[in-house]
Every structure is written in C-alpha cells, then in structure tokens.
C-alpha cells in the first residue's frame, strides 16, 4: 500500500499528471517508484517529459511502466539504450 501511495504522490505531484490521465493508465501505479523516477528524469534530461496526450511529443504513462528499457529508450524517449544506461548510472 505504501508503494502505491508513493507512486501516486510522485506521478501526481512531481510529474503534475492529473487524476484523469492516471485513472486512464493505472498500470503506472503498479510500477516501482524507482523506475518511474528514473524514466521521468531521463525524459526531463531530453526535454521530452510530455505527458499530455493533446500536445506534441506525448509519452504515455503506459510507456513508462510497461516497456522494457530498450523499448522505452528507443521508442518512447526517442534516444538510445546506451544513453539511457549511461544516464541511469548517474542516479
């Protein structure tokens, strides 16, 4: 339960994701807080942390939670697994 609350708090309050988007993609709440933070901060570093489906460069919460690291870094972040791995080591 604590992990769920911590994930919700980070997604809603730090990433500024409204309730409507969270309820539409609830798998994000079952994702570890560490993975959410790591992927969000990577997107921030690339200026790609865009979670509003009505805006360009949209990245879904499902992409943060369900894709493996390769798919996330290449398909969602539009980057490389090498850059993602290097970034991950800095955290």
Protein backbone atom coordinates (compact mmCIF):
# COMPACT_ATOMS: atom_id res chain seq x y z
CA UNK A 1 0.00 0.00 0.00
CA UNK A 2 2.82 2.40 0.86
CA UNK A 3 4.44 1.82 -2.54
CA UNK A 4 1.16 2.59 -4.31
CA UNK A 5 0.73 5.85 -2.38
CA UNK A 6 4.36 6.83 -3.02
CA UNK A 7 3.98 6.18 -6.76
CA UNK A 8 0.73 8.13 -6.90
CA UNK A 9 2.27 11.04 -5.00
CA UNK A 10 5.24 11.23 -7.36
CA UNK A 11 3.19 10.87 -10.55
CA UNK A 12 0.53 13.35 -9.48
CA UNK A 13 2.53 15.93 -7.52
CA UNK A 14 6.02 15.81 -9.03
CA UNK A 15 5.18 14.93 -12.63
CA UNK A 16 1.98 17.02 -12.48
CA UNK A 17 -0.19 14.31 -14.02
CA UNK A 18 -3.92 14.95 -13.48
CA UNK A 19 -6.17 12.29 -11.96
CA UNK A 20 -7.95 11.73 -15.28
CA UNK A 21 -4.77 10.60 -17.03
CA UNK A 22 -3.70 8.42 -14.09
CA UNK A 23 -7.07 6.65 -13.97
CA UNK A 24 -6.88 6.08 -17.72
CA UNK A 25 -3.45 4.43 -17.42
CA UNK A 26 -3.44 2.90 -13.92
CA UNK A 27 -0.56 0.49 -14.63
CA UNK A 28 1.78 3.36 -13.68
CA UNK A 29 0.71 2.88 -10.05
CA UNK A 30 1.92 -0.73 -10.08
CA UNK A 31 5.34 0.36 -11.32
CA UNK A 32 8.18 0.78 -8.86
CA UNK A 33 8.80 4.35 -7.79
CA UNK A 34 12.47 3.91 -8.69
CA UNK A 35 11.60 3.02 -12.30
CA UNK A 36 9.11 5.90 -12.59
CA UNK A 37 11.66 8.41 -11.28
CA UNK A 38 14.48 7.06 -13.43
CA UNK A 39 12.47 7.20 -16.62
CA UNK A 40 10.84 10.54 -15.84
CA UNK A 41 14.20 12.15 -15.06
CA UNK A 42 15.65 10.71 -18.27
CA UNK A 43 12.80 12.27 -20.24
CA UNK A 44 13.34 15.57 -18.39
CA UNK A 45 17.02 15.49 -19.37
CA UNK A 46 15.96 15.10 -23.01
CA UNK A 47 13.22 17.76 -22.76
CA UNK A 48 10.70 15.03 -23.63
CA UNK A 49 8.73 14.77 -20.37
CA UNK A 50 5.41 15.47 -22.09
CA UNK A 51 2.50 13.50 -20.64
CA UNK A 52 -0.43 15.44 -22.10
CA UNK A 53 -1.93 13.40 -24.97
CA UNK A 54 -3.17 16.59 -26.61
CA UNK A 55 0.35 18.02 -27.05
CA UNK A 56 3.25 17.09 -29.33
CA UNK A 57 5.97 14.69 -28.13
CA UNK A 58 3.45 12.88 -25.91
CA UNK A 59 4.81 9.97 -23.86
CA UNK A 60 2.17 7.74 -22.29
CA UNK A 61 2.30 6.60 -18.69
CA UNK A 62 1.98 3.07 -20.05
CA UNK A 63 5.28 3.58 -21.87
CA UNK A 64 6.91 4.50 -18.57
CA UNK A 65 5.52 1.46 -16.81
CA UNK A 66 5.26 -1.41 -19.26
CA UNK A 67 8.02 -1.20 -21.85
CA UNK A 68 11.39 -2.80 -21.28
CA UNK A 69 14.40 -0.48 -21.10
CA UNK A 70 15.28 -0.87 -24.77
CA UNK A 71 11.75 -0.16 -25.99
CA UNK A 72 11.38 2.73 -23.56
CA UNK A 73 14.66 4.40 -24.53
CA UNK A 74 14.32 3.92 -28.28
CA UNK A 75 10.57 4.07 -28.94
CA UNK A 76 9.27 6.34 -26.18
CA UNK A 77 12.25 8.56 -25.36
CA UNK A 78 13.49 8.61 -28.99
CA UNK A 79 17.01 8.05 -27.72
CA UNK A 80 19.35 5.06 -27.40
CA UNK A 81 19.72 2.30 -24.86
CA UNK A 82 23.37 3.32 -24.43
CA UNK A 83 22.43 6.87 -23.44
CA UNK A 84 19.70 5.58 -21.12
CA UNK A 85 22.09 3.15 -19.45
CA UNK A 86 24.72 5.88 -19.02
CA UNK A 87 22.10 8.23 -17.55
CA UNK A 88 20.84 5.52 -15.19
CA UNK A 89 24.33 5.11 -13.74
CA UNK A 90 24.36 8.79 -12.71
CA UNK A 91 21.36 8.38 -10.40
